[in-house]
PDB file of N, CA and C in Angstrom:
ATOM      1  N   MET A   1     -38.045 -12.714 -15.116  1.00  0.00           N
ATOM      2  CA  MET A   1     -37.102 -12.734 -14.731  1.00  0.00           C
ATOM      3  C   MET A   1     -36.329 -13.990 -15.126  1.00  0.00           C
ATOM      4  N   ILE A   2     -37.151 -14.936 -14.885  1.00  0.00           N
ATOM      5  CA  ILE A   2     -36.337 -16.569 -14.905  1.00  0.00           C
ATOM      6  C   ILE A   2     -36.317 -16.698 -16.671  1.00  0.00           C
ATOM      7  N   LYS A   3     -37.013 -16.048 -17.458  1.00  0.00           N
ATOM      8  CA  LYS A   3     -36.812 -16.579 -19.130  1.00  0.00           C
ATOM      9  C   LYS A   3     -35.705 -15.575 -19.446  1.00  0.00           C
ATOM     10  N   ASP A   4     -36.418 -14.339 -19.058  1.00  0.00           N
ATOM     11  CA  ASP A   4     -34.920 -13.377 -19.887  1.00  0.00           C
ATOM     12  C   ASP A   4     -33.541 -12.808 -19.056  1.00  0.00           C
ATOM     13  N   LYS A   5     -33.813 -13.603 -17.287  1.00  0.00           N
ATOM     14  CA  LYS A   5     -32.319 -13.694 -16.680  1.00  0.00           C
ATOM     15  C   LYS A   5     -32.190 -11.865 -16.339  1.00  0.00           C
ATOM     16  N   PRO A   6     -31.925 -11.635 -15.145  1.00  0.00           N
ATOM     17  CA  PRO A   6     -31.415 -10.449 -14.590  1.00  0.00           C
ATOM     18  C   PRO A   6     -31.021  -9.724 -15.656  1.00  0.00           C
ATOM     19  N   SER A   7     -30.026 -10.041 -16.258  1.00  0.00           N
ATOM     20  CA  SER A   7     -28.885  -9.427 -17.001  1.00  0.00           C
ATOM     21  C   SER A   7     -29.605  -8.990 -18.723  1.00  0.00           C
ATOM     22  N   GLY A   8     -30.530  -9.786 -18.700  1.00  0.00           N
ATOM     23  CA  GLY A   8     -31.574  -9.382 -19.923  1.00  0.00           C
ATOM     24  C   GLY A   8     -32.492  -8.361 -19.564  1.00  0.00           C
ATOM     25  N   ARG A   9     -32.727  -8.233 -18.582  1.00  0.00           N
ATOM     26  CA  ARG A   9     -34.046  -6.979 -17.979  1.00  0.00           C
ATOM     27  C   ARG A   9     -32.685  -5.579 -17.705  1.00  0.00           C
ATOM     28  N   ARG A  10     -31.431  -5.922 -17.144  1.00  0.00           N
ATOM     29  CA  ARG A  10     -30.796  -4.807 -17.146  1.00  0.00           C
ATOM     30  C   ARG A  10     -30.261  -4.154 -18.276  1.00  0.00           C
ATOM     31  N   ALA A  11     -29.918  -5.328 -19.533  1.00  0.00           N
ATOM     32  CA  ALA A  11     -29.708  -4.930 -20.725  1.00  0.00           C
ATOM     33  C   ALA A  11     -31.005  -3.711 -21.331  1.00  0.00           C
ATOM     34  N   ALA A  12     -32.289  -4.278 -21.147  1.00  0.00           N
ATOM     35  CA  ALA A  12     -33.143  -3.730 -21.585  1.00  0.00           C
ATOM     36  C   ALA A  12     -33.492  -2.320 -20.936  1.00  0.00           C
ATOM     37  N   VAL A  13     -33.155  -2.368 -19.819  1.00  0.00           N
ATOM     38  CA  VAL A  13     -33.238  -1.042 -19.061  1.00  0.00           C
ATOM     39  C   VAL A  13     -32.164  -0.145 -19.465  1.00  0.00           C
ATOM     40  N   THR A  14     -30.753  -0.498 -19.772  1.00  0.00           N
ATOM     41  CA  THR A  14     -29.982   0.033 -20.334  1.00  0.00           C
ATOM     42  C   THR A  14     -30.032   1.021 -21.585  1.00  0.00           C
ATOM     43  N   LYS A  15     -30.703   0.101 -22.685  1.00  0.00           N
ATOM     44  CA  LYS A  15     -30.867   0.389 -23.549  1.00  0.00           C
ATOM     45  C   LYS A  15     -32.101   1.364 -23.776  1.00  0.00           C
ATOM     46  N   LEU A  16     -33.163   1.293 -22.591  1.00  0.00           N
ATOM     47  CA  LEU A  16     -34.394   2.305 -22.898  1.00  0.00           C
ATOM     48  C   LEU A  16     -33.583   3.866 -22.114  1.00  0.00           C
ATOM     49  N   VAL A  17     -32.539   3.708 -21.173  1.00  0.00           N
ATOM     50  CA  VAL A  17     -32.077   4.898 -20.811  1.00  0.00           C
ATOM     51  C   VAL A  17     -31.073   5.559 -21.433  1.00  0.00           C
ATOM     52  N   GLU A  18     -30.315   4.918 -22.148  1.00  0.00           N
ATOM     53  CA  GLU A  18     -29.563   5.627 -23.182  1.00  0.00           C
ATOM     54  C   GLU A  18     -30.359   6.012 -24.660  1.00  0.00           C
ATOM     55  N   SER A  19     -31.331   5.691 -24.784  1.00  0.00           N
ATOM     56  CA  SER A  19     -32.315   5.981 -25.768  1.00  0.00           C
ATOM     57  C   SER A  19     -32.851   7.233 -25.464  1.00  0.00           C
ATOM     58  N   LEU A  20     -32.771   7.539 -24.226  1.00  0.00           N
ATOM     59  CA  LEU A  20     -33.659   8.826 -23.571  1.00  0.00           C
ATOM     60  C   LEU A  20     -32.291   9.169 -23.438  1.00  0.00           C
ATOM     61  N   GLY A  21     -31.043   9.601 -23.579  1.00  0.00           N
ATOM     62  CA  GLY A  21     -29.933  10.510 -23.406  1.00  0.00           C
ATOM     63  C   GLY A  21     -29.608  10.511 -22.007  1.00  0.00           C
ATOM     64  N   GLY A  22     -30.077   9.344 -21.160  1.00  0.00           N
ATOM     65  CA  GLY A  22     -29.379   9.075 -19.804  1.00  0.00           C
ATOM     66  C   GLY A  22     -27.793   8.058 -19.461  1.00  0.00           C
ATOM     67  N   LYS A  23     -27.954   7.665 -18.235  1.00  0.00           N
ATOM     68  CA  LYS A  23     -26.957   6.764 -18.018  1.00  0.00           C
ATOM     69  C   LYS A  23     -27.587   5.731 -16.937  1.00  0.00           C
ATOM     70  N   LEU A  24     -27.579   4.611 -17.055  1.00  0.00           N
ATOM     71  CA  LEU A  24     -28.145   3.549 -16.106  1.00  0.00           C
ATOM     72  C   LEU A  24     -26.682   3.560 -14.841  1.00  0.00           C
ATOM     73  N   GLU A  25     -26.960   4.179 -13.772  1.00  0.00           N
ATOM     74  CA  GLU A  25     -25.200   3.870 -13.085  1.00  0.00           C
ATOM     75  C   GLU A  25     -25.298   2.540 -11.965  1.00  0.00           C
ATOM     76  N   CYS A  26     -26.715   2.138 -11.792  1.00  0.00           N
ATOM     77  CA  CYS A  26     -26.753   0.782 -11.037  1.00  0.00           C
ATOM     78  C   CYS A  26     -27.959   0.246 -10.889  1.00  0.00           C
ATOM     79  N   PHE A  27     -27.993  -1.553 -11.111  1.00  0.00           N
ATOM     80  CA  PHE A  27     -29.073  -1.849 -11.503  1.00  0.00           C
ATOM     81  C   PHE A  27     -29.050  -3.003 -10.130  1.00  0.00           C
ATOM     82  N   TYR A  28     -29.897  -3.226  -9.043  1.00  0.00           N
ATOM     83  CA  TYR A  28     -29.685  -4.113  -8.399  1.00  0.00           C
ATOM     84  C   TYR A  28     -31.017  -4.899  -8.224  1.00  0.00           C
ATOM     85  N   LEU A  29     -31.123  -6.283  -7.938  1.00  0.00           N
ATOM     86  CA  LEU A  29     -32.212  -7.078  -7.524  1.00  0.00           C
ATOM     87  C   LEU A  29     -32.150  -6.928  -6.013  1.00  0.00           C
ATOM     88  N   ALA A  30     -33.783  -6.905  -5.551  1.00  0.00           N
ATOM     89  CA  ALA A  30     -33.747  -6.883  -4.163  1.00  0.00           C
ATOM     90  C   ALA A  30     -34.996  -7.572  -3.609  1.00  0.00           C
ATOM     91  N   PHE A  31     -34.448  -7.899  -2.292  1.00  0.00           N
ATOM     92  CA  PHE A  31     -35.787  -8.649  -1.540  1.00  0.00           C
ATOM     93  C   PHE A  31     -36.841  -7.311  -1.296  1.00  0.00           C
ATOM     94  N   GLY A  32     -38.184  -8.038  -0.990  1.00  0.00           N
ATOM     95  CA  GLY A  32     -39.029  -7.370  -0.811  1.00  0.00           C
ATOM     96  C   GLY A  32     -40.234  -6.824  -1.470  1.00  0.00           C
ATOM     97  N   SER A  33     -40.749  -5.408  -1.151  1.00  0.00           N
ATOM     98  CA  SER A  33     -41.802  -4.847  -1.978  1.00  0.00           C
ATOM     99  C   SER A  33     -41.485  -4.367  -3.702  1.00  0.00           C
ATOM    100  N   ASP A  34     -39.909  -4.214  -3.744  1.00  0.00           N
ATOM    101  CA  ASP A  34     -39.202  -4.040  -5.138  1.00  0.00           C
ATOM    102  C   ASP A  34     -38.509  -5.051  -5.324  1.00  0.00           C
ATOM    103  N   ASP A  35     -38.726  -5.562  -6.463  1.00  0.00           N
ATOM    104  CA  ASP A  35     -37.752  -6.287  -7.105  1.00  0.00           C
ATOM    105  C   ASP A  35     -36.286  -5.939  -7.723  1.00  0.00           C
ATOM    106  N   VAL A  36     -36.475  -4.687  -8.103  1.00  0.00           N
ATOM    107  CA  VAL A  36     -35.352  -3.734  -8.778  1.00  0.00           C
ATOM    108  C   VAL A  36     -35.674  -2.709  -8.324  1.00  0.00           C
ATOM    109  N   VAL A  37     -33.733  -2.310  -8.015  1.00  0.00           N
ATOM    110  CA  VAL A  37     -33.497  -0.772  -7.747  1.00  0.00           C
ATOM    111  C   VAL A  37     -32.629  -0.503  -8.362  1.00  0.00           C
ATOM    112  N   SER A  38     -33.018   0.547  -9.082  1.00  0.00           N
ATOM    113  CA  SER A  38     -31.970   1.165 -10.117  1.00  0.00           C
ATOM    114  C   SER A  38     -31.574   2.695  -9.726  1.00  0.00           C
ATOM    115  N   ILE A  39     -30.373   2.947  -9.782  1.00  0.00           N
ATOM    116  CA  ILE A  39     -30.084   4.701 -10.261  1.00  0.00           C
ATOM    117  C   ILE A  39     -29.907   5.135 -11.377  1.00  0.00           C
ATOM    118  N   VAL A  40     -30.707   5.889 -12.041  1.00  0.00           N
ATOM    119  CA  VAL A  40     -30.543   6.356 -13.375  1.00  0.00           C
ATOM    120  C   VAL A  40     -30.298   7.834 -13.647  1.00  0.00           C
ATOM    121  N   GLU A  41     -29.341   8.194 -14.559  1.00  0.00           N
ATOM    122  CA  GLU A  41     -29.254   9.773 -14.393  1.00  0.00           C
ATOM    123  C   GLU A  41     -29.828  10.044 -15.765  1.00  0.00           C
ATOM    124  N   LEU A  42     -30.872  10.794 -15.768  1.00  0.00           N
ATOM    125  CA  LEU A  42     -31.754  11.364 -17.183  1.00  0.00           C
ATOM    126  C   LEU A  42     -31.665  13.078 -17.076  1.00  0.00           C
ATOM    127  N   PRO A  43     -31.933  13.178 -18.468  1.00  0.00           N
ATOM    128  CA  PRO A  43     -31.357  14.600 -18.556  1.00  0.00           C
ATOM    129  C   PRO A  43     -32.208  15.684 -18.110  1.00  0.00           C
ATOM    130  N   ASP A  44     -33.404  15.195 -18.286  1.00  0.00           N
ATOM    131  CA  ASP A  44     -34.340  15.958 -17.364  1.00  0.00           C
ATOM    132  C   ASP A  44     -35.790  15.189 -17.128  1.00  0.00           C
ATOM    133  N   ASN A  45     -36.748  16.019 -16.700  1.00  0.00           N
ATOM    134  CA  ASN A  45     -38.071  15.378 -16.125  1.00  0.00           C
ATOM    135  C   ASN A  45     -39.178  15.017 -17.278  1.00  0.00           C
ATOM    136  N   GLY A  46     -38.790  15.529 -18.157  1.00  0.00           N
ATOM    137  CA  GLY A  46     -39.546  14.843 -19.602  1.00  0.00           C
ATOM    138  C   GLY A  46     -38.785  13.764 -20.026  1.00  0.00           C
ATOM    139  N   ALA A  47     -37.470  13.527 -19.898  1.00  0.00           N
ATOM    140  CA  ALA A  47     -36.922  12.011 -20.204  1.00  0.00           C
ATOM    141  C   ALA A  47     -37.484  11.045 -19.060  1.00  0.00           C
ATOM    142  N   ALA A  48     -37.332  11.474 -17.903  1.00  0.00           N
ATOM    143  CA  ALA A  48     -38.058  10.611 -16.796  1.00  0.00           C
ATOM    144  C   ALA A  48     -39.129  10.071 -16.925  1.00  0.00           C
ATOM    145  N   ALA A  49     -40.310  11.294 -17.318  1.00  0.00           N
ATOM    146  CA  ALA A  49     -41.434  10.730 -17.665  1.00  0.00           C
ATOM    147  C   ALA A  49     -41.631   9.923 -18.477  1.00  0.00           C
ATOM    148  N   ALA A  50     -40.938   9.968 -19.677  1.00  0.00           N
ATOM    149  CA  ALA A  50     -40.644   8.998 -21.067  1.00  0.00           C
ATOM    150  C   ALA A  50     -40.288   7.770 -20.629  1.00  0.00           C
ATOM    151  N   PHE A  51     -39.478   7.904 -19.601  1.00  0.00           N
ATOM    152  CA  PHE A  51     -38.933   6.018 -18.924  1.00  0.00           C
ATOM    153  C   PHE A  51     -39.884   5.613 -18.158  1.00  0.00           C
ATOM    154  N   SER A  52     -40.902   6.530 -17.479  1.00  0.00           N
ATOM    155  CA  SER A  52     -41.585   5.569 -16.645  1.00  0.00           C
ATOM    156  C   SER A  52     -43.017   5.208 -17.624  1.00  0.00           C
ATOM    157  N   PHE A  53     -43.438   6.045 -18.561  1.00  0.00           N
ATOM    158  CA  PHE A  53     -44.392   5.726 -19.534  1.00  0.00           C
ATOM    159  C   PHE A  53     -44.011   4.301 -20.081  1.00  0.00           C
ATOM    160  N   ALA A  54     -42.867   4.505 -20.937  1.00  0.00           N
ATOM    161  CA  ALA A  54     -42.436   3.438 -21.375  1.00  0.00           C
ATOM    162  C   ALA A  54     -42.487   1.690 -20.562  1.00  0.00           C
ATOM    163  N   VAL A  55     -41.648   2.023 -19.354  1.00  0.00           N
ATOM    164  CA  VAL A  55     -42.069   0.521 -18.411  1.00  0.00           C
ATOM    165  C   VAL A  55     -43.222   0.382 -17.988  1.00  0.00           C
ATOM    166  N   ASN A  56     -43.977   1.142 -17.590  1.00  0.00           N
ATOM    167  CA  ASN A  56     -45.329   1.257 -17.152  1.00  0.00           C
ATOM    168  C   ASN A  56     -46.237   0.642 -18.187  1.00  0.00           C
ATOM    169  N   ALA A  57     -46.242   1.474 -19.554  1.00  0.00           N
ATOM    170  CA  ALA A  57     -47.000   0.771 -20.724  1.00  0.00           C
ATOM    171  C   ALA A  57     -46.697  -0.638 -20.935  1.00  0.00           C
ATOM    172  N   ALA A  58     -45.354  -1.198 -20.711  1.00  0.00           N
ATOM    173  CA  ALA A  58     -44.995  -2.328 -21.363  1.00  0.00           C
ATOM    174  C   ALA A  58     -45.624  -3.479 -20.710  1.00  0.00           C
ATOM    175  N   GLY A  59     -45.903  -3.330 -19.818  1.00  0.00           N
ATOM    176  CA  GLY A  59     -46.494  -4.649 -19.409  1.00  0.00           C
ATOM    177  C   GLY A  59     -46.507  -4.743 -17.807  1.00  0.00           C
ATOM    178  N   PRO A  60     -46.511  -5.930 -17.373  1.00  0.00           N
ATOM    179  CA  PRO A  60     -46.036  -6.535 -15.618  1.00  0.00           C
ATOM    180  C   PRO A  60     -45.437  -5.865 -14.526  1.00  0.00           C
ATOM    181  N   ALA A  61     -44.346  -5.125 -15.258  1.00  0.00           N
ATOM    182  CA  ALA A  61     -43.356  -4.308 -14.250  1.00  0.00           C
ATOM    183  C   ALA A  61     -44.462  -2.886 -13.976  1.00  0.00           C
ATOM    184  N   GLN A  62     -44.190  -2.547 -12.725  1.00  0.00           N
ATOM    185  CA  GLN A  62     -44.621  -0.874 -12.439  1.00  0.00           C
ATOM    186  C   GLN A  62     -43.488  -0.391 -11.681  1.00  0.00           C
ATOM    187  N   LEU A  63     -43.294   0.775 -12.331  1.00  0.00           N
ATOM    188  CA  LEU A  63     -42.111   1.650 -11.828  1.00  0.00           C
ATOM    189  C   LEU A  63     -42.658   2.789 -11.286  1.00  0.00           C
ATOM    190  N   SER A  64     -41.902   3.143 -10.243  1.00  0.00           N
ATOM    191  CA  SER A  64     -41.504   4.193  -9.448  1.00  0.00           C
ATOM    192  C   SER A  64     -40.407   5.141  -9.240  1.00  0.00           C
ATOM    193  N   ILE A  65     -40.509   5.947  -9.462  1.00  0.00           N
ATOM    194  CA  ILE A  65     -39.405   7.484  -9.676  1.00  0.00           C
ATOM    195  C   ILE A  65     -39.646   8.117  -8.596  1.00  0.00           C
ATOM    196  N   THR A  66     -38.029   7.965  -7.728  1.00  0.00           N
ATOM    197  CA  THR A  66     -37.915   8.944  -6.742  1.00  0.00           C
ATOM    198  C   THR A  66     -36.985   9.853  -7.255  1.00  0.00           C
ATOM    199  N   PRO A  67     -37.040  11.256  -7.473  1.00  0.00           N
ATOM    200  CA  PRO A  67     -36.127  12.088  -7.826  1.00  0.00           C
ATOM    201  C   PRO A  67     -34.938  12.486  -6.655  1.00  0.00           C
ATOM    202  N   LEU A  68     -34.025  12.379  -6.881  1.00  0.00           N
ATOM    203  CA  LEU A  68     -32.638  12.820  -5.788  1.00  0.00           C
ATOM    204  C   LEU A  68     -32.240  14.111  -6.041  1.00  0.00           C
ATOM    205  N   LEU A  69     -31.974  14.781  -4.676  1.00  0.00           N
ATOM    206  CA  LEU A  69     -31.129  16.047  -5.156  1.00  0.00           C
ATOM    207  C   LEU A  69     -29.713  15.765  -4.482  1.00  0.00           C
ATOM    208  N   THR A  70     -28.966  16.810  -4.894  1.00  0.00           N
ATOM    209  CA  THR A  70     -27.376  16.774  -4.315  1.00  0.00           C
ATOM    210  C   THR A  70     -27.868  17.565  -3.281  1.00  0.00           C
ATOM    211  N   VAL A  71     -26.726  17.603  -1.999  1.00  0.00           N
ATOM    212  CA  VAL A  71     -26.793  18.429  -0.971  1.00  0.00           C
ATOM    213  C   VAL A  71     -26.743  19.812  -1.502  1.00  0.00           C
ATOM    214  N   GLU A  72     -26.042  20.247  -2.743  1.00  0.00           N
ATOM    215  CA  GLU A  72     -26.186  21.604  -3.241  1.00  0.00           C
ATOM    216  C   GLU A  72     -27.458  22.118  -3.827  1.00  0.00           C
ATOM    217  N   GLU A  73     -28.149  20.947  -4.166  1.00  0.00           N
ATOM    218  CA  GLU A  73     -29.351  21.167  -4.718  1.00  0.00           C
ATOM    219  C   GLU A  73     -30.329  21.704  -3.673  1.00  0.00           C
ATOM    220  N   ALA A  74     -30.455  20.711  -2.858  1.00  0.00           N
ATOM    221  CA  ALA A  74     -31.134  20.992  -1.422  1.00  0.00           C
ATOM    222  C   ALA A  74     -30.911  22.420  -0.858  1.00  0.00           C
ATOM    223  N   ASP A  75     -29.619  22.691  -0.552  1.00  0.00           N
ATOM    224  CA  ASP A  75     -29.671  23.886  -0.181  1.00  0.00           C
ATOM    225  C   ASP A  75     -30.004  25.361  -0.918  1.00  0.00           C
ATOM    226  N   ALA A  76     -29.674  25.057  -2.251  1.00  0.00           N
ATOM    227  CA  ALA A  76     -30.476  25.961  -2.989  1.00  0.00           C
ATOM    228  C   ALA A  76     -31.725  26.022  -2.935  1.00  0.00           C
ATOM    229  N   ALA A  77     -32.471  24.909  -2.735  1.00  0.00           N
ATOM    230  CA  ALA A  77     -34.176  24.842  -2.424  1.00  0.00           C
ATOM    231  C   ALA A  77     -34.406  25.529  -1.408  1.00  0.00           C
ATOM    232  N   ILE A  78     -33.949  25.151  -0.260  1.00  0.00           N
ATOM    233  CA  ILE A  78     -33.847  26.119   0.817  1.00  0.00           C
ATOM    234  C   ILE A  78     -33.793  27.370   0.835  1.00  0.00           C
ATOM    235  N   GLY A  79     -32.862  27.605   0.170  1.00  0.00           N
ATOM    236  CA  GLY A  79     -32.631  29.413   0.124  1.00  0.00           C
ATOM    237  C   GLY A  79     -34.079  30.371  -0.917  1.00  0.00           C
ATOM    238  N   LYS A  80     -34.501  29.424  -1.426  1.00  0.00           N
ATOM    239  CA  LYS A  80     -35.341  30.104  -2.268  1.00  0.00           C
ATOM    240  C   LYS A  80     -36.734  30.977  -1.200  1.00  0.00           C
ATOM    241  N   PRO A  81     -37.271  31.898  -1.673  1.00  0.00           N
ATOM    242  CA  PRO A  81     -38.425  32.311  -0.682  1.00  0.00           C
ATOM    243  C   PRO A  81     -39.430  31.546  -0.984  1.00  0.00           C
ATOM    244  N   ALA A  82     -40.202  31.222   0.108  1.00  0.00           N
ATOM    245  CA  ALA A  82     -41.555  30.068  -0.493  1.00  0.00           C
ATOM    246  C   ALA A  82     -42.058  30.063   1.037  1.00  0.00           C
ATOM    247  N   THR A  83     -43.217  30.908   0.694  1.00  0.00           N
ATOM    248  CA  THR A  83     -44.255  31.077   1.836  1.00  0.00           C
ATOM    249  C   THR A  83     -45.333  29.855   2.122  1.00  0.00           C
ATOM    250  N   TYR A  84     -45.960  29.378   2.888  1.00  0.00           N
ATOM    251  CA  TYR A  84     -46.944  28.312   2.838  1.00  0.00           C
ATOM    252  C   TYR A  84     -47.977  28.293   4.427  1.00  0.00           C
ATOM    253  N   ARG A  85     -49.106  28.674   4.650  1.00  0.00           N
ATOM    254  CA  ARG A  85     -49.693  28.679   5.520  1.00  0.00           C
ATOM    255  C   ARG A  85     -50.633  27.118   5.414  1.00  0.00           C
ATOM    256  N   ALA A  86     -50.269  26.492   6.403  1.00  0.00           N
ATOM    257  CA  ALA A  86     -51.266  25.290   6.746  1.00  0.00           C
ATOM    258  C   ALA A  86     -52.435  25.466   7.102  1.00  0.00           C
ATOM    259  N   PRO A  87     -53.441  24.564   6.614  1.00  0.00           N
ATOM    260  CA  PRO A  87     -54.792  24.729   6.831  1.00  0.00           C
ATOM    261  C   PRO A  87     -55.431  24.926   8.404  1.00  0.00           C
ATOM    262  N   GLY A  88     -56.244  25.707   8.557  1.00  0.00           N
ATOM    263  CA  GLY A  88     -56.561  25.910   9.902  1.00  0.00           C
ATOM    264  C   GLY A  88     -55.653  26.953  10.619  1.00  0.00           C
ATOM    265  N   ARG A  89     -54.703  27.366  10.114  1.00  0.00           N
ATOM    266  CA  ARG A  89     -53.385  28.068  10.971  1.00  0.00           C
ATOM    267  C   ARG A  89     -53.820  29.774  10.696  1.00  0.00           C
TER     268      ARG A  89
END
């Protein structure tokens, strides 16, 4: 970060995201276990995987992706038939 500055990191992430057909919504620096928190819109899971592979393979950064659902997507998921029996029940 000191050498490239946060603006340089944001530019690199923007370039990668756009090359995958996506958009960088926001890019924040954070205190704690995560140095950077971003919201990225990508066209599909394949693009998200490519994004993750590229960042993690490049070196010292370690990327974790948390997919986000809209309320409407969550409502639709809840409406899908899904049956599961917990172990031992």
